[in-house]
Full PDB file with SEQRES, HELIX, SHEET, SSBOND, CRYST1, ORIGX, SCALE, CONECT and MASTER records, all heavy atoms in Angstrom:
SEQRES   1 A   34  GLU ILE ALA ALA LEU VAL ALA ALA ALA ASP PHE SER GLU          
SEQRES   2 A   34  GLU ASN GLY GLU LYS ALA MET ALA GLU TYR CYS ARG GLN          
SEQRES   3 A   34  THR ALA ASP HIS TRP ASN ASP ARG                              
HELIX    1 AA1 ILE A    2  GLU A   14  1                                  13    
HELIX    2 AA2 LYS A   18  ASP A   33  1                                  16    
CRYST1    1.000    1.000    1.000  90.00  90.00  90.00 P 1           1          
ORIGX1      1.000000  0.000000  0.000000        0.00000                         
ORIGX2      0.000000  1.000000  0.000000        0.00000                         
ORIGX3      0.000000  0.000000  1.000000        0.00000                         
SCALE1      1.000000  0.000000  0.000000        0.00000                         
SCALE2      0.000000  1.000000  0.000000        0.00000                         
SCALE3      0.000000  0.000000  1.000000        0.00000                         
ATOM      1  N   GLU A   1      -3.241   0.767 -10.946  1.00  0.00           N  
ATOM      2  CA  GLU A   1      -2.330   1.513 -10.011  1.00  0.00           C  
ATOM      3  C   GLU A   1      -2.810   1.146  -8.552  1.00  0.00           C  
ATOM      4  O   GLU A   1      -1.894   0.791  -7.756  1.00  0.00           O  
ATOM      5  CB  GLU A   1      -2.529   3.040 -10.164  1.00  0.00           C  
ATOM      6  CG  GLU A   1      -1.921   3.598 -11.463  1.00  0.00           C  
ATOM      7  CD  GLU A   1      -2.323   5.122 -11.444  1.00  0.00           C  
ATOM      8  OE1 GLU A   1      -3.394   5.446 -11.139  1.00  0.00           O  
ATOM      9  OE2 GLU A   1      -1.432   5.764 -11.901  1.00  0.00           O  
ATOM     10  N   ILE A   2      -4.079   1.030  -8.216  1.00  0.00           N  
ATOM     11  CA  ILE A   2      -4.590   0.755  -6.905  1.00  0.00           C  
ATOM     12  C   ILE A   2      -4.169  -0.666  -6.632  1.00  0.00           C  
ATOM     13  O   ILE A   2      -3.748  -0.979  -5.406  1.00  0.00           O  
ATOM     14  CB  ILE A   2      -6.111   1.101  -6.739  1.00  0.00           C  
ATOM     15  CG1 ILE A   2      -6.396   2.612  -6.967  1.00  0.00           C  
ATOM     16  CG2 ILE A   2      -6.597   0.484  -5.490  1.00  0.00           C  
ATOM     17  CD1 ILE A   2      -7.760   2.882  -7.187  1.00  0.00           C  
ATOM     18  N   ALA A   3      -4.485  -1.569  -7.481  1.00  0.00           N  
ATOM     19  CA  ALA A   3      -3.958  -2.980  -7.152  1.00  0.00           C  
ATOM     20  C   ALA A   3      -2.473  -3.024  -6.954  1.00  0.00           C  
ATOM     21  O   ALA A   3      -1.952  -3.912  -6.092  1.00  0.00           O  
ATOM     22  CB  ALA A   3      -4.384  -3.877  -8.362  1.00  0.00           C  
ATOM     23  N   ALA A   4      -1.673  -2.392  -7.737  1.00  0.00           N  
ATOM     24  CA  ALA A   4      -0.256  -2.425  -7.523  1.00  0.00           C  
ATOM     25  C   ALA A   4       0.158  -1.812  -6.100  1.00  0.00           C  
ATOM     26  O   ALA A   4       1.128  -2.320  -5.628  1.00  0.00           O  
ATOM     27  CB  ALA A   4       0.405  -1.468  -8.662  1.00  0.00           C  
ATOM     28  N   LEU A   5      -0.518  -0.757  -5.717  1.00  0.00           N  
ATOM     29  CA  LEU A   5      -0.216  -0.179  -4.380  1.00  0.00           C  
ATOM     30  C   LEU A   5      -0.445  -1.156  -3.201  1.00  0.00           C  
ATOM     31  O   LEU A   5       0.296  -1.201  -2.246  1.00  0.00           O  
ATOM     32  CB  LEU A   5      -0.943   1.165  -4.165  1.00  0.00           C  
ATOM     33  CG  LEU A   5      -0.576   2.345  -4.956  1.00  0.00           C  
ATOM     34  CD1 LEU A   5      -1.491   3.497  -4.742  1.00  0.00           C  
ATOM     35  CD2 LEU A   5       0.842   2.733  -4.429  1.00  0.00           C  
ATOM     36  N   VAL A   6      -1.592  -1.882  -3.422  1.00  0.00           N  
ATOM     37  CA  VAL A   6      -1.917  -2.868  -2.360  1.00  0.00           C  
ATOM     38  C   VAL A   6      -0.917  -4.008  -2.362  1.00  0.00           C  
ATOM     39  O   VAL A   6      -0.402  -4.606  -1.335  1.00  0.00           O  
ATOM     40  CB  VAL A   6      -3.344  -3.460  -2.636  1.00  0.00           C  
ATOM     41  CG1 VAL A   6      -3.633  -4.548  -1.735  1.00  0.00           C  
ATOM     42  CG2 VAL A   6      -4.418  -2.300  -2.443  1.00  0.00           C  
ATOM     43  N   ALA A   7      -0.470  -4.486  -3.596  1.00  0.00           N  
ATOM     44  CA  ALA A   7       0.474  -5.431  -3.719  1.00  0.00           C  
ATOM     45  C   ALA A   7       1.810  -4.924  -3.159  1.00  0.00           C  
ATOM     46  O   ALA A   7       2.590  -5.703  -2.377  1.00  0.00           O  
ATOM     47  CB  ALA A   7       0.787  -5.846  -5.256  1.00  0.00           C  
ATOM     48  N   ALA A   8       2.300  -3.687  -3.409  1.00  0.00           N  
ATOM     49  CA  ALA A   8       3.441  -3.198  -2.850  1.00  0.00           C  
ATOM     50  C   ALA A   8       3.441  -3.064  -1.332  1.00  0.00           C  
ATOM     51  O   ALA A   8       4.586  -3.352  -0.673  1.00  0.00           O  
ATOM     52  CB  ALA A   8       3.745  -1.629  -3.452  1.00  0.00           C  
ATOM     53  N   ALA A   9       2.288  -2.910  -0.771  1.00  0.00           N  
ATOM     54  CA  ALA A   9       2.151  -2.865   0.724  1.00  0.00           C  
ATOM     55  C   ALA A   9       2.459  -4.169   1.254  1.00  0.00           C  
ATOM     56  O   ALA A   9       3.266  -4.285   2.271  1.00  0.00           O  
ATOM     57  CB  ALA A   9       0.744  -2.404   1.058  1.00  0.00           C  
ATOM     58  N   ASP A  10       2.132  -5.331   0.552  1.00  0.00           N  
ATOM     59  CA  ASP A  10       2.461  -6.531   1.098  1.00  0.00           C  
ATOM     60  C   ASP A  10       3.915  -6.821   0.930  1.00  0.00           C  
ATOM     61  O   ASP A  10       4.707  -7.380   1.898  1.00  0.00           O  
ATOM     62  CB  ASP A  10       1.753  -7.596   0.255  1.00  0.00           C  
ATOM     63  CG  ASP A  10       0.238  -7.675   0.529  1.00  0.00           C  
ATOM     64  OD1 ASP A  10      -0.158  -7.025   1.575  1.00  0.00           O  
ATOM     65  OD2 ASP A  10      -0.483  -8.423  -0.140  1.00  0.00           O  
ATOM     66  N   PHE A  11       4.704  -6.370  -0.111  1.00  0.00           N  
ATOM     67  CA  PHE A  11       6.075  -6.562  -0.246  1.00  0.00           C  
ATOM     68  C   PHE A  11       6.670  -5.671   0.746  1.00  0.00           C  
ATOM     69  O   PHE A  11       7.735  -6.211   1.385  1.00  0.00           O  
ATOM     70  CB  PHE A  11       6.447  -5.920  -1.678  1.00  0.00           C  
ATOM     71  CG  PHE A  11       6.358  -6.925  -2.832  1.00  0.00           C  
ATOM     72  CD1 PHE A  11       5.358  -6.785  -3.790  1.00  0.00           C  
ATOM     73  CD2 PHE A  11       7.278  -8.037  -2.837  1.00  0.00           C  
ATOM     74  CE1 PHE A  11       5.297  -7.755  -4.781  1.00  0.00           C  
ATOM     75  CE2 PHE A  11       7.243  -8.980  -3.908  1.00  0.00           C  
ATOM     76  CZ  PHE A  11       6.229  -8.759  -4.951  1.00  0.00           C  
ATOM     77  N   SER A  12       6.269  -4.560   1.022  1.00  0.00           N  
ATOM     78  CA  SER A  12       6.930  -3.657   1.968  1.00  0.00           C  
ATOM     79  C   SER A  12       6.777  -4.302   3.438  1.00  0.00           C  
ATOM     80  O   SER A  12       7.803  -4.306   4.180  1.00  0.00           O  
ATOM     81  CB  SER A  12       6.252  -2.298   2.016  1.00  0.00           C  
ATOM     82  OG  SER A  12       6.250  -1.674   0.902  1.00  0.00           O  
ATOM     83  N   GLU A  13       5.692  -4.939   3.726  1.00  0.00           N  
ATOM     84  CA  GLU A  13       5.417  -5.499   5.003  1.00  0.00           C  
ATOM     85  C   GLU A  13       6.420  -6.806   5.292  1.00  0.00           C  
ATOM     86  O   GLU A  13       6.902  -6.898   6.216  1.00  0.00           O  
ATOM     87  CB  GLU A  13       4.000  -5.939   5.147  1.00  0.00           C  
ATOM     88  CG  GLU A  13       3.487  -5.879   6.590  1.00  0.00           C  
ATOM     89  CD  GLU A  13       1.993  -5.820   6.700  1.00  0.00           C  
ATOM     90  OE1 GLU A  13       1.264  -6.690   5.942  1.00  0.00           O  
ATOM     91  OE2 GLU A  13       1.499  -4.887   7.317  1.00  0.00           O  
ATOM     92  N   GLU A  14       6.537  -7.454   4.167  1.00  0.00           N  
ATOM     93  CA  GLU A  14       7.479  -8.675   4.194  1.00  0.00           C  
ATOM     94  C   GLU A  14       8.932  -8.220   4.363  1.00  0.00           C  
ATOM     95  O   GLU A  14       9.748  -9.008   4.874  1.00  0.00           O  
ATOM     96  CB  GLU A  14       7.412  -9.543   2.886  1.00  0.00           C  
ATOM     97  CG  GLU A  14       5.883 -10.181   2.820  1.00  0.00           C  
ATOM     98  CD  GLU A  14       5.756 -10.807   1.427  1.00  0.00           C  
ATOM     99  OE1 GLU A  14       6.686 -10.823   0.491  1.00  0.00           O  
ATOM    100  OE2 GLU A  14       4.557 -11.337   1.107  1.00  0.00           O  
ATOM    101  N   ASN A  15       9.211  -7.011   3.808  1.00  0.00           N  
ATOM    102  CA  ASN A  15      10.548  -6.423   4.066  1.00  0.00           C  
ATOM    103  C   ASN A  15      10.715  -5.730   5.285  1.00  0.00           C  
ATOM    104  O   ASN A  15      11.758  -5.121   5.545  1.00  0.00           O  
ATOM    105  CB  ASN A  15      10.871  -5.589   2.804  1.00  0.00           C  
ATOM    106  CG  ASN A  15      12.307  -5.277   2.560  1.00  0.00           C  
ATOM    107  OD1 ASN A  15      13.090  -6.224   2.582  1.00  0.00           O  
ATOM    108  ND2 ASN A  15      12.731  -4.134   2.446  1.00  0.00           N  
ATOM    109  N   GLY A  16       9.729  -5.748   6.239  1.00  0.00           N  
ATOM    110  CA  GLY A  16       9.923  -5.164   7.454  1.00  0.00           C  
ATOM    111  C   GLY A  16       9.694  -3.675   7.484  1.00  0.00           C  
ATOM    112  O   GLY A  16      10.039  -2.875   8.474  1.00  0.00           O  
ATOM    113  N   GLU A  17       9.131  -3.119   6.412  1.00  0.00           N  
ATOM    114  CA  GLU A  17       8.852  -1.708   6.284  1.00  0.00           C  
ATOM    115  C   GLU A  17       7.350  -1.346   6.427  1.00  0.00           C  
ATOM    116  O   GLU A  17       6.619  -1.078   5.542  1.00  0.00           O  
ATOM    117  CB  GLU A  17       9.317  -1.198   4.950  1.00  0.00           C  
ATOM    118  CG  GLU A  17      10.883  -1.362   4.825  1.00  0.00           C  
ATOM    119  CD  GLU A  17      11.514  -0.852   3.480  1.00  0.00           C  
ATOM    120  OE1 GLU A  17      11.405   0.423   3.414  1.00  0.00           O  
ATOM    121  OE2 GLU A  17      11.992  -1.518   2.627  1.00  0.00           O  
ATOM    122  N   LYS A  18       6.861  -1.384   7.679  1.00  0.00           N  
ATOM    123  CA  LYS A  18       5.512  -1.295   7.946  1.00  0.00           C  
ATOM    124  C   LYS A  18       5.013   0.119   7.782  1.00  0.00           C  
ATOM    125  O   LYS A  18       3.828   0.184   7.239  1.00  0.00           O  
ATOM    126  CB  LYS A  18       5.238  -1.693   9.504  1.00  0.00           C  
ATOM    127  CG  LYS A  18       5.506  -3.124   9.616  1.00  0.00           C  
ATOM    128  CD  LYS A  18       5.121  -3.506  11.224  1.00  0.00           C  
ATOM    129  CE  LYS A  18       5.345  -5.038  11.307  1.00  0.00           C  
ATOM    130  NZ  LYS A  18       5.020  -5.416  12.859  1.00  0.00           N  
ATOM    131  N   ALA A  19       5.731   1.126   7.942  1.00  0.00           N  
ATOM    132  CA  ALA A  19       5.288   2.461   7.742  1.00  0.00           C  
ATOM    133  C   ALA A  19       5.044   2.661   6.167  1.00  0.00           C  
ATOM    134  O   ALA A  19       4.037   3.327   5.887  1.00  0.00           O  
ATOM    135  CB  ALA A  19       6.367   3.419   8.030  1.00  0.00           C  
ATOM    136  N   MET A  20       5.986   2.170   5.363  1.00  0.00           N  
ATOM    137  CA  MET A  20       5.653   2.434   3.892  1.00  0.00           C  
ATOM    138  C   MET A  20       4.519   1.426   3.517  1.00  0.00           C  
ATOM    139  O   MET A  20       3.759   1.961   2.664  1.00  0.00           O  
ATOM    140  CB  MET A  20       6.869   1.807   3.086  1.00  0.00           C  
ATOM    141  CG  MET A  20       6.786   2.056   1.593  1.00  0.00           C  
ATOM    142  SD  MET A  20       8.317   1.404   0.764  1.00  0.00           S  
ATOM    143  CE  MET A  20       9.680   2.302   1.539  1.00  0.00           C  
ATOM    144  N   ALA A  21       4.255   0.280   4.082  1.00  0.00           N  
ATOM    145  CA  ALA A  21       3.080  -0.575   3.771  1.00  0.00           C  
ATOM    146  C   ALA A  21       1.872   0.191   4.066  1.00  0.00           C  
ATOM    147  O   ALA A  21       0.778   0.236   3.325  1.00  0.00           O  
ATOM    148  CB  ALA A  21       3.211  -1.808   4.497  1.00  0.00           C  
ATOM    149  N   GLU A  22       1.823   0.942   5.237  1.00  0.00           N  
ATOM    150  CA  GLU A  22       0.662   1.653   5.697  1.00  0.00           C  
ATOM    151  C   GLU A  22       0.399   2.789   4.784  1.00  0.00           C  
ATOM    152  O   GLU A  22      -0.688   3.013   4.273  1.00  0.00           O  
ATOM    153  CB  GLU A  22       0.864   2.183   7.026  1.00  0.00           C  
ATOM    154  CG  GLU A  22      -0.330   3.010   7.606  1.00  0.00           C  
ATOM    155  CD  GLU A  22      -0.120   3.563   8.904  1.00  0.00           C  
ATOM    156  OE1 GLU A  22       1.003   3.879   9.283  1.00  0.00           O  
ATOM    157  OE2 GLU A  22      -1.137   3.774   9.681  1.00  0.00           O  
ATOM    158  N   TYR A  23       1.379   3.466   4.350  1.00  0.00           N  
ATOM    159  CA  TYR A  23       1.347   4.648   3.378  1.00  0.00           C  
ATOM    160  C   TYR A  23       0.690   4.140   1.980  1.00  0.00           C  
ATOM    161  O   TYR A  23      -0.135   4.739   1.472  1.00  0.00           O  
ATOM    162  CB  TYR A  23       2.603   5.295   3.036  1.00  0.00           C  
ATOM    163  CG  TYR A  23       2.588   6.478   2.067  1.00  0.00           C  
ATOM    164  CD1 TYR A  23       2.062   7.599   2.386  1.00  0.00           C  
ATOM    165  CD2 TYR A  23       2.944   6.141   0.749  1.00  0.00           C  
ATOM    166  CE1 TYR A  23       1.893   8.562   1.370  1.00  0.00           C  
ATOM    167  CE2 TYR A  23       2.826   7.135  -0.206  1.00  0.00           C  
ATOM    168  CZ  TYR A  23       2.300   8.261   0.172  1.00  0.00           C  
ATOM    169  OH  TYR A  23       2.151   9.312  -0.796  1.00  0.00           O  
ATOM    170  N   CYS A  24       1.232   3.032   1.494  1.00  0.00           N  
ATOM    171  CA  CYS A  24       0.658   2.442   0.220  1.00  0.00           C  
ATOM    172  C   CYS A  24      -0.674   2.090   0.346  1.00  0.00           C  
ATOM    173  O   CYS A  24      -1.489   2.474  -0.586  1.00  0.00           O  
ATOM    174  CB  CYS A  24       1.575   1.240  -0.182  1.00  0.00           C  
ATOM    175  SG  CYS A  24       3.279   1.513  -0.604  1.00  0.00           S  
ATOM    176  N   ARG A  25      -1.153   1.549   1.467  1.00  0.00           N  
ATOM    177  CA  ARG A  25      -2.506   1.079   1.551  1.00  0.00           C  
ATOM    178  C   ARG A  25      -3.482   2.317   1.755  1.00  0.00           C  
ATOM    179  O   ARG A  25      -4.537   2.404   1.208  1.00  0.00           O  
ATOM    180  CB  ARG A  25      -2.700   0.156   2.774  1.00  0.00           C  
ATOM    181  CG  ARG A  25      -2.168  -1.315   2.518  1.00  0.00           C  
ATOM    182  CD  ARG A  25      -2.509  -2.254   3.634  1.00  0.00           C  
ATOM    183  NE  ARG A  25      -1.848  -3.489   3.359  1.00  0.00           N  
ATOM    184  CZ  ARG A  25      -0.783  -4.052   4.056  1.00  0.00           C  
ATOM    185  NH1 ARG A  25      -0.337  -3.294   5.096  1.00  0.00           N  
ATOM    186  NH2 ARG A  25      -0.372  -5.296   3.673  1.00  0.00           N  
ATOM    187  N   GLN A  26      -3.008   3.318   2.556  1.00  0.00           N  
ATOM    188  CA  GLN A  26      -3.707   4.498   2.635  1.00  0.00           C  
ATOM    189  C   GLN A  26      -3.985   5.327   1.355  1.00  0.00           C  
ATOM    190  O   GLN A  26      -5.062   5.737   0.960  1.00  0.00           O  
ATOM    191  CB  GLN A  26      -3.183   5.421   3.719  1.00  0.00           C  
ATOM    192  CG  GLN A  26      -3.204   4.854   5.159  1.00  0.00           C  
ATOM    193  CD  GLN A  26      -2.468   5.774   6.079  1.00  0.00           C  
ATOM    194  OE1 GLN A  26      -1.498   6.399   5.706  1.00  0.00           O  
ATOM    195  NE2 GLN A  26      -2.826   5.639   7.432  1.00  0.00           N  
ATOM    196  N   THR A  27      -2.923   5.307   0.541  1.00  0.00           N  
ATOM    197  CA  THR A  27      -2.983   6.040  -0.706  1.00  0.00           C  
ATOM    198  C   THR A  27      -3.963   5.120  -1.606  1.00  0.00           C  
ATOM    199  O   THR A  27      -4.782   5.711  -2.384  1.00  0.00           O  
ATOM    200  CB  THR A  27      -1.603   6.113  -1.373  1.00  0.00           C  
ATOM    201  OG1 THR A  27      -0.831   6.853  -0.470  1.00  0.00           O  
ATOM    202  CG2 THR A  27      -1.660   6.798  -2.904  1.00  0.00           C  
ATOM    203  N   ALA A  28      -3.804   3.779  -1.644  1.00  0.00           N  
ATOM    204  CA  ALA A  28      -4.710   3.057  -2.493  1.00  0.00           C  
ATOM    205  C   ALA A  28      -6.204   3.284  -2.046  1.00  0.00           C  
ATOM    206  O   ALA A  28      -7.057   3.321  -2.956  1.00  0.00           O  
ATOM    207  CB  ALA A  28      -4.323   1.611  -2.331  1.00  0.00           C  
ATOM    208  N   ASP A  29      -6.419   3.330  -0.788  1.00  0.00           N  
ATOM    209  CA  ASP A  29      -7.774   3.481  -0.251  1.00  0.00           C  
ATOM    210  C   ASP A  29      -8.290   4.834  -0.734  1.00  0.00           C  
ATOM    211  O   ASP A  29      -9.547   4.807  -1.166  1.00  0.00           O  
ATOM    212  CB  ASP A  29      -7.842   3.383   1.291  1.00  0.00           C  
ATOM    213  CG  ASP A  29      -7.530   2.049   1.799  1.00  0.00           C  
ATOM    214  OD1 ASP A  29      -7.412   1.096   1.062  1.00  0.00           O  
ATOM    215  OD2 ASP A  29      -7.252   1.976   2.965  1.00  0.00           O  
ATOM    216  N   HIS A  30      -7.500   5.864  -0.644  1.00  0.00           N  
ATOM    217  CA  HIS A  30      -8.022   7.173  -1.054  1.00  0.00           C  
ATOM    218  C   HIS A  30      -8.382   7.206  -2.535  1.00  0.00           C  
ATOM    219  O   HIS A  30      -9.335   7.697  -3.025  1.00  0.00           O  
ATOM    220  CB  HIS A  30      -7.026   8.212  -0.706  1.00  0.00           C  
ATOM    221  CG  HIS A  30      -7.369   9.569  -1.236  1.00  0.00           C  
ATOM    222  ND1 HIS A  30      -8.467  10.346  -0.791  1.00  0.00           N  
ATOM    223  CD2 HIS A  30      -6.684  10.437  -2.274  1.00  0.00           C  
ATOM    224  CE1 HIS A  30      -8.518  11.531  -1.546  1.00  0.00           C  
ATOM    225  NE2 HIS A  30      -7.536  11.545  -2.360  1.00  0.00           N  
ATOM    226  N   TRP A  31      -7.395   6.579  -3.284  1.00  0.00           N  
ATOM    227  CA  TRP A  31      -7.675   6.575  -4.754  1.00  0.00           C  
ATOM    228  C   TRP A  31      -8.870   5.686  -5.192  1.00  0.00           C  
ATOM    229  O   TRP A  31      -9.727   6.179  -5.947  1.00  0.00           O  
ATOM    230  CB  TRP A  31      -6.423   6.108  -5.447  1.00  0.00           C  
ATOM    231  CG  TRP A  31      -5.214   7.060  -5.514  1.00  0.00           C  
ATOM    232  CD1 TRP A  31      -5.212   8.276  -4.863  1.00  0.00           C  
ATOM    233  CD2 TRP A  31      -3.943   6.873  -6.030  1.00  0.00           C  
ATOM    234  NE1 TRP A  31      -3.928   8.820  -5.199  1.00  0.00           N  
ATOM    235  CE2 TRP A  31      -3.253   8.008  -5.859  1.00  0.00           C  
ATOM    236  CE3 TRP A  31      -3.457   5.858  -6.856  1.00  0.00           C  
ATOM    237  CZ2 TRP A  31      -1.837   8.173  -6.247  1.00  0.00           C  
ATOM    238  CZ3 TRP A  31      -2.063   6.030  -7.242  1.00  0.00           C  
ATOM    239  CH2 TRP A  31      -1.364   7.151  -7.031  1.00  0.00           C  
ATOM    240  N   ASN A  32      -8.948   4.675  -4.470  1.00  0.00           N  
ATOM    241  CA  ASN A  32     -10.178   3.779  -4.684  1.00  0.00           C  
ATOM    242  C   ASN A  32     -11.509   4.519  -4.290  1.00  0.00           C  
ATOM    243  O   ASN A  32     -12.501   4.330  -5.113  1.00  0.00           O  
ATOM    244  CB  ASN A  32     -10.047   2.610  -3.820  1.00  0.00           C  
ATOM    245  CG  ASN A  32     -11.110   1.493  -4.111  1.00  0.00           C  
ATOM    246  OD1 ASN A  32     -11.364   1.059  -5.212  1.00  0.00           O  
ATOM    247  ND2 ASN A  32     -11.809   1.300  -3.015  1.00  0.00           N  
ATOM    248  N   ASP A  33     -11.548   5.160  -3.275  1.00  0.00           N  
ATOM    249  CA  ASP A  33     -12.667   5.913  -2.919  1.00  0.00           C  
ATOM    250  C   ASP A  33     -13.108   7.033  -3.955  1.00  0.00           C  
ATOM    251  O   ASP A  33     -14.253   7.385  -4.059  1.00  0.00           O  
ATOM    252  CB  ASP A  33     -12.510   6.624  -1.564  1.00  0.00           C  
ATOM    253  CG  ASP A  33     -12.841   5.759  -0.450  1.00  0.00           C  
ATOM    254  OD1 ASP A  33     -12.966   4.455  -0.569  1.00  0.00           O  
ATOM    255  OD2 ASP A  33     -12.747   6.261   0.794  1.00  0.00           O  
ATOM    256  N   ARG A  34     -12.145   7.521  -4.694  1.00  0.00           N  
ATOM    257  CA  ARG A  34     -12.465   8.532  -5.620  1.00  0.00           C  
ATOM    258  C   ARG A  34     -12.751   8.192  -6.992  1.00  0.00           C  
ATOM    259  O   ARG A  34     -12.874   8.974  -7.936  1.00  0.00           O  
ATOM    260  CB  ARG A  34     -11.247   9.583  -5.627  1.00  0.00           C  
ATOM    261  CG  ARG A  34     -11.152  10.409  -4.269  1.00  0.00           C  
ATOM    262  CD  ARG A  34     -10.423  11.652  -4.440  1.00  0.00           C  
ATOM    263  NE  ARG A  34     -11.228  12.622  -5.370  1.00  0.00           N  
ATOM    264  CZ  ARG A  34     -10.811  13.731  -5.765  1.00  0.00           C  
ATOM    265  NH1 ARG A  34      -9.631  14.138  -5.464  1.00  0.00           N  
ATOM    266  NH2 ARG A  34     -11.524  14.573  -6.633  1.00  0.00           N  
TER     267      ARG A  34                                                      
MASTER        0    0    0    2    0    0    0    6  266    1    0    3          
END                                                                             
């Protein structure tokens, strides 16, 4: 799941959706920390 969120962030960024990319990375970071 965490790897998928990081990958999704890259897709979002390439699609010009920076806010979504940031949200995906922040969620991945939180899950990874836990």
